[in-house]
Amino acid sequence: MSAYRQSPFANLTPVVKNLLIINIICFVPILFFDKGDELHPGPFTALFGLHYFGSHYFKIWQIFTYMFMHGGYAHIFFNMFALFMFGPILEYSIGSKRFAQLYFICGIGAGLLQLLVQAIQIHSIIGDFILPHSGVMNSQGIDMQYFQYGGENIAGQLYGIYNGSIVGASGAIFGLLVAFGMLYPNMELFIFFIPIPIKAKYIVPVYIVIELWLGVAQYGGDNVAHFAHLGGALFGFLMVKIWGLRRRDNYF
């Protein structure tokens, strides 16, 4: 190996580098100690993953900490890979302070939008935002109050909202992706499984449309928080407009 071959991490900007390190550190205890199941989250996810505000698992700090939790190798790999690819360019162009603000605003906004959508879903079923607890459990440990509102499918949906957790940096990453597409619309990118480069201004809208379609469709077995992704994208768009950031077509 040449002594002059530069490490691919040598040019990482400071905020991106620290975000990568923190996310990886936070993933270690989840990987080894967070042994939850379909009915109950593991201890780390229960404490730091984002839960519906009516759930007994909900804590106010979760709107921030959920961004550093991930559900598996693929989940953290693709989020960190996207941060590694797009983050340094954005941080160089808008500055470290503003980049950090963008990341966390998008992440928090993503979580808030997902909670809003969940609240609307629950209200459409029970006419309220908070589900009362009867204290009577079935053989699986599920509160029987859930079954009052329309049978097993509805009970499963309500239980999933109340006891499921939102984890991952995807909302923040979608915000960065939208900002990148707005500032560098003509930069050509390579996407997995597509052998030709595609300009950012075409890739980003396609991602958004797919997320919107999947979020509205709510396919069975889909446990991805699509509206959190859309929330991150929305806040990324808004912050670029509010800050008056301009296109940088001539930079590359």
Protein backbone atom coordinates (compact mmCIF):
# COMPACT_ATOMS: atom_id res chain seq x y z
CA MET A 1 0.00 0.00 0.00
CA SER A 2 1.34 3.41 -0.90
CA ALA A 3 2.37 5.60 1.99
CA TYR A 4 0.74 8.51 0.19
CA ARG A 5 -2.68 6.92 -0.26
CA GLN A 6 -5.13 9.10 1.61
CA SER A 7 -7.77 7.63 3.90
CA PRO A 8 -11.35 8.14 2.65
CA PHE A 9 -12.11 9.59 6.10
CA ALA A 10 -9.31 12.18 6.00
CA ASN A 11 -11.50 14.92 4.51
CA LEU A 12 -14.51 14.41 6.73
CA THR A 13 -15.89 17.65 8.10
CA PRO A 14 -16.09 17.96 11.91
CA VAL A 15 -19.87 17.75 12.39
CA VAL A 16 -20.23 14.80 10.01
CA LYS A 17 -17.34 13.01 11.71
CA ASN A 18 -18.84 13.51 15.17
CA LEU A 19 -22.29 12.44 14.04
CA LEU A 20 -20.86 9.24 12.55
CA ILE A 21 -18.97 8.48 15.76
CA ILE A 22 -21.95 9.18 18.05
CA ASN A 23 -24.34 7.08 15.97
CA ILE A 24 -21.96 4.13 15.93
CA ILE A 25 -21.33 4.39 19.69
CA CYS A 26 -25.07 4.50 20.38
CA PHE A 27 -25.62 1.45 18.17
CA VAL A 28 -23.33 -0.78 20.25
CA PRO A 29 -25.56 -1.16 23.35
CA ILE A 30 -28.62 -1.64 21.13
CA LEU A 31 -26.86 -4.40 19.24
CA PHE A 32 -25.73 -6.35 22.28
CA PHE A 33 -28.14 -5.54 25.09
CA ASP A 34 -31.43 -4.27 23.64
CA LYS A 35 -33.28 -7.58 23.33
CA GLY A 36 -36.91 -6.62 22.82
CA ASP A 37 -39.74 -8.42 21.03
CA GLU A 38 -42.89 -7.57 19.07
CA LEU A 39 -44.82 -6.80 22.25
CA HIS A 40 -42.22 -4.89 24.26
CA PRO A 41 -39.25 -2.74 23.17
CA GLY A 42 -35.82 -3.39 24.62
CA PRO A 43 -34.67 -1.17 27.51
CA PHE A 44 -32.57 1.22 25.40
CA THR A 45 -35.23 1.60 22.72
CA ALA A 46 -37.93 2.06 25.38
CA LEU A 47 -35.93 4.86 26.98
CA PHE A 48 -34.44 6.63 23.97
CA GLY A 49 -36.56 5.67 20.94
CA LEU A 50 -39.43 8.03 20.10
CA HIS A 51 -42.86 6.85 21.31
CA TYR A 52 -46.35 8.22 20.85
CA PHE A 53 -47.07 10.93 23.43
CA GLY A 54 -49.96 8.92 24.85
CA SER A 55 -47.77 5.89 25.49
CA HIS A 56 -46.38 5.16 28.95
CA TYR A 57 -43.00 4.78 27.21
CA PHE A 58 -42.96 8.42 26.05
CA LYS A 59 -40.32 10.77 27.46
CA ILE A 60 -39.76 14.35 26.29
CA TRP A 61 -36.08 13.83 25.45
CA GLN A 62 -36.95 11.11 22.94
CA ILE A 63 -37.69 13.72 20.24
CA PHE A 64 -33.93 14.27 20.19
CA THR A 65 -32.40 10.93 21.21
CA TYR A 66 -34.36 8.80 18.72
CA MET A 67 -32.12 10.11 15.94
CA PHE A 68 -29.17 8.19 17.39
CA MET A 69 -30.99 4.85 17.69
CA HIS A 70 -31.04 2.30 14.87
CA GLY A 71 -32.84 -0.98 14.39
CA GLY A 72 -30.19 -3.08 12.67
CA TYR A 73 -27.04 -3.22 10.56
CA ALA A 74 -28.76 -2.24 7.30
CA HIS A 75 -30.60 0.63 8.97
CA ILE A 76 -27.51 2.28 10.38
CA PHE A 77 -25.34 1.46 7.36
CA PHE A 78 -27.54 3.20 4.78
CA ASN A 79 -28.15 6.23 7.02
CA MET A 80 -24.47 6.66 7.82
CA PHE A 81 -23.45 6.01 4.21
CA ALA A 82 -25.77 8.79 3.06
CA LEU A 83 -24.38 11.10 5.76
CA PHE A 84 -20.84 10.22 4.68
CA MET A 85 -21.63 10.91 1.00
CA PHE A 86 -23.73 14.09 1.16
CA GLY A 87 -22.87 15.58 4.53
CA PRO A 88 -19.31 16.90 3.95
CA ILE A 89 -20.27 18.79 0.78
CA LEU A 90 -23.15 20.49 2.56
CA GLU A 91 -21.07 21.27 5.64
CA TYR A 92 -18.29 22.79 3.53
CA SER A 93 -20.75 25.00 1.69
CA ILE A 94 -23.05 26.24 4.50
CA GLY A 95 -20.67 26.00 7.47
CA SER A 96 -20.50 23.61 10.40
CA LYS A 97 -22.82 25.55 12.72
CA ARG A 98 -25.61 25.87 10.18
CA PHE A 99 -25.13 22.27 9.02
CA ALA A 100 -25.58 21.02 12.60
CA GLN A 101 -28.68 23.20 12.97
CA LEU A 102 -30.09 21.82 9.71
CA TYR A 103 -29.46 18.23 10.76
CA PHE A 104 -31.16 18.51 14.13
CA ILE A 105 -34.03 20.72 12.96
CA CYS A 106 -34.84 18.18 10.25
CA GLY A 107 -34.55 15.27 12.67
CA ILE A 108 -36.78 16.87 15.30
CA GLY A 109 -39.25 18.06 12.67
CA ALA A 110 -39.41 14.54 11.25
CA GLY A 111 -40.30 13.10 14.65
CA LEU A 112 -42.94 15.74 15.31
CA LEU A 113 -44.64 15.14 11.96
CA GLN A 114 -44.71 11.38 12.60
CA LEU A 115 -46.31 11.97 16.01
CA LEU A 116 -48.88 14.27 14.40
CA VAL A 117 -49.80 11.63 11.83
CA GLN A 118 -50.12 9.02 14.58
CA ALA A 119 -52.37 11.35 16.57
CA ILE A 120 -54.60 11.85 13.52
CA GLN A 121 -54.76 8.08 12.98
CA ILE A 122 -55.80 7.42 16.57
CA HIS A 123 -58.34 10.26 16.57
CA SER A 124 -59.92 8.89 13.39
CA ILE A 125 -60.51 5.56 15.14
CA ILE A 126 -61.50 6.46 18.72
CA GLY A 127 -62.44 10.15 18.45
CA ASP A 128 -59.71 11.16 20.88
CA PHE A 129 -55.93 11.43 20.94
CA ILE A 130 -55.36 9.39 24.10
CA LEU A 131 -56.47 5.78 24.47
CA PRO A 132 -57.76 4.88 27.94
CA HIS A 133 -56.36 1.72 29.52
CA SER A 134 -58.70 -0.87 30.98
CA GLY A 135 -56.02 -2.84 32.80
CA VAL A 136 -57.44 -6.10 31.41
CA MET A 137 -54.92 -8.05 29.34
CA ASN A 138 -55.32 -10.98 26.96
CA SER A 139 -53.00 -14.00 26.80
CA GLN A 140 -50.46 -12.01 24.76
CA GLY A 141 -50.30 -9.20 27.28
CA ILE A 142 -52.27 -6.76 25.08
CA ASP A 143 -54.71 -4.40 26.78
CA MET A 144 -58.22 -5.55 25.86
CA GLN A 145 -59.28 -1.92 25.53
CA TYR A 146 -57.67 -1.94 22.08
CA PHE A 147 -60.22 -4.46 20.82
CA GLN A 148 -63.15 -2.19 21.68
CA TYR A 149 -62.65 -0.11 18.56
CA GLY A 150 -63.19 -2.54 15.72
CA GLY A 151 -61.69 -5.99 16.08
CA GLU A 152 -58.26 -7.49 15.75
CA ASN A 153 -56.94 -5.37 12.87
CA ILE A 154 -57.83 -2.09 14.55
CA ALA A 155 -56.49 -3.38 17.86
CA GLY A 156 -53.20 -4.26 16.18
CA GLN A 157 -52.96 -0.81 14.60
CA LEU A 158 -53.62 0.99 17.89
CA TYR A 159 -51.26 -1.27 19.79
CA GLY A 160 -48.54 -0.71 17.21
CA ILE A 161 -48.82 3.07 17.55
CA TYR A 162 -48.86 3.01 21.33
CA ASN A 163 -46.07 0.51 21.85
CA GLY A 164 -44.00 0.85 18.70
CA SER A 165 -40.95 3.08 18.60
CA ILE A 166 -39.50 5.42 15.98
CA VAL A 167 -35.73 5.15 15.65
CA GLY A 168 -33.07 6.27 13.22
CA ALA A 169 -31.48 9.29 11.58
CA SER A 170 -33.49 8.89 8.38
CA GLY A 171 -35.59 12.02 8.92
CA ALA A 172 -32.49 14.16 9.37
CA ILE A 173 -30.84 12.46 6.39
CA PHE A 174 -33.85 13.17 4.17
CA GLY A 175 -33.60 16.82 5.18
CA LEU A 176 -29.95 16.88 4.15
CA LEU A 177 -30.81 15.12 0.89
CA VAL A 178 -33.43 17.74 0.00
CA ALA A 179 -31.05 20.58 0.89
CA PHE A 180 -28.34 18.95 -1.21
CA GLY A 181 -30.71 18.61 -4.17
CA MET A 182 -31.72 22.27 -3.89
CA LEU A 183 -28.16 23.57 -3.64
CA TYR A 184 -26.56 21.18 -6.14
CA PRO A 185 -29.41 20.23 -8.51
CA ASN A 186 -27.16 19.38 -11.45
CA MET A 187 -24.62 17.27 -9.59
CA GLU A 188 -24.66 13.73 -10.99
CA LEU A 189 -24.94 10.89 -8.49
CA PHE A 190 -24.76 7.13 -8.65
CA ILE A 191 -27.60 5.22 -7.01
CA PHE A 192 -27.50 1.56 -5.98
CA PHE A 193 -28.43 -0.82 -8.83
CA ILE A 194 -28.60 2.01 -11.41
CA PRO A 195 -25.50 1.91 -13.68
CA ILE A 196 -25.69 5.50 -14.92
CA PRO A 197 -25.32 8.81 -13.02
CA ILE A 198 -28.50 10.78 -12.38
CA LYS A 199 -28.76 14.44 -11.48
CA ALA A 200 -29.78 15.28 -7.92
CA LYS A 201 -32.75 17.35 -9.10
CA TYR A 202 -34.31 14.17 -10.51
CA ILE A 203 -33.40 11.78 -7.70
CA VAL A 204 -34.73 13.82 -4.78
CA PRO A 205 -38.32 14.33 -6.08
CA VAL A 206 -38.55 10.61 -6.92
CA TYR A 207 -37.54 9.71 -3.35
CA ILE A 208 -40.16 12.10 -1.95
CA VAL A 209 -42.95 10.74 -4.16
CA ILE A 210 -42.08 7.16 -3.23
CA GLU A 211 -42.13 7.99 0.50
CA LEU A 212 -45.46 9.81 0.16
CA TRP A 213 -46.98 6.87 -1.73
CA LEU A 214 -45.74 4.33 0.79
CA GLY A 215 -46.86 6.45 3.72
CA VAL A 216 -50.39 6.89 2.38
CA ALA A 217 -50.66 3.27 1.23
CA GLN A 218 -49.66 1.89 4.68
CA TYR A 219 -48.84 -1.57 3.39
CA GLY A 220 -49.24 -4.39 5.90
CA GLY A 221 -45.97 -5.39 7.52
CA ASP A 222 -44.37 -2.04 6.64
CA ASN A 223 -42.86 -0.69 9.85
CA VAL A 224 -41.01 2.23 8.24
CA ALA A 225 -41.95 5.72 9.50
CA HIS A 226 -42.48 7.19 6.04
CA PHE A 227 -44.03 10.40 7.34
CA ALA A 228 -40.94 10.99 9.48
CA HIS A 229 -38.92 10.86 6.25
CA LEU A 230 -41.33 13.31 4.66
CA GLY A 231 -41.16 15.54 7.73
CA GLY A 232 -37.37 15.68 7.49
CA ALA A 233 -37.62 16.50 3.78
CA LEU A 234 -40.18 19.24 4.47
CA PHE A 235 -38.03 20.90 7.12
CA GLY A 236 -34.96 20.62 4.89
CA PHE A 237 -36.84 22.48 2.16
CA LEU A 238 -38.14 25.11 4.58
CA MET A 239 -34.76 25.81 6.14
CA VAL A 240 -33.06 26.31 2.78
CA LYS A 241 -35.78 28.84 1.92
CA ILE A 242 -35.77 30.56 5.33
CA TRP A 243 -31.98 30.89 5.36
CA GLY A 244 -31.95 32.06 1.75
CA LEU A 245 -29.36 29.48 0.69
CA ARG A 246 -28.58 29.66 -3.03
CA ARG A 247 -27.82 27.11 -5.70
CA ARG A 248 -24.18 26.28 -6.18
CA ASP A 249 -24.15 24.88 -9.70
CA ASN A 250 -20.70 26.27 -10.45
CA TYR A 251 -18.94 24.74 -7.48
CA PHE A 252 -18.46 21.34 -9.11
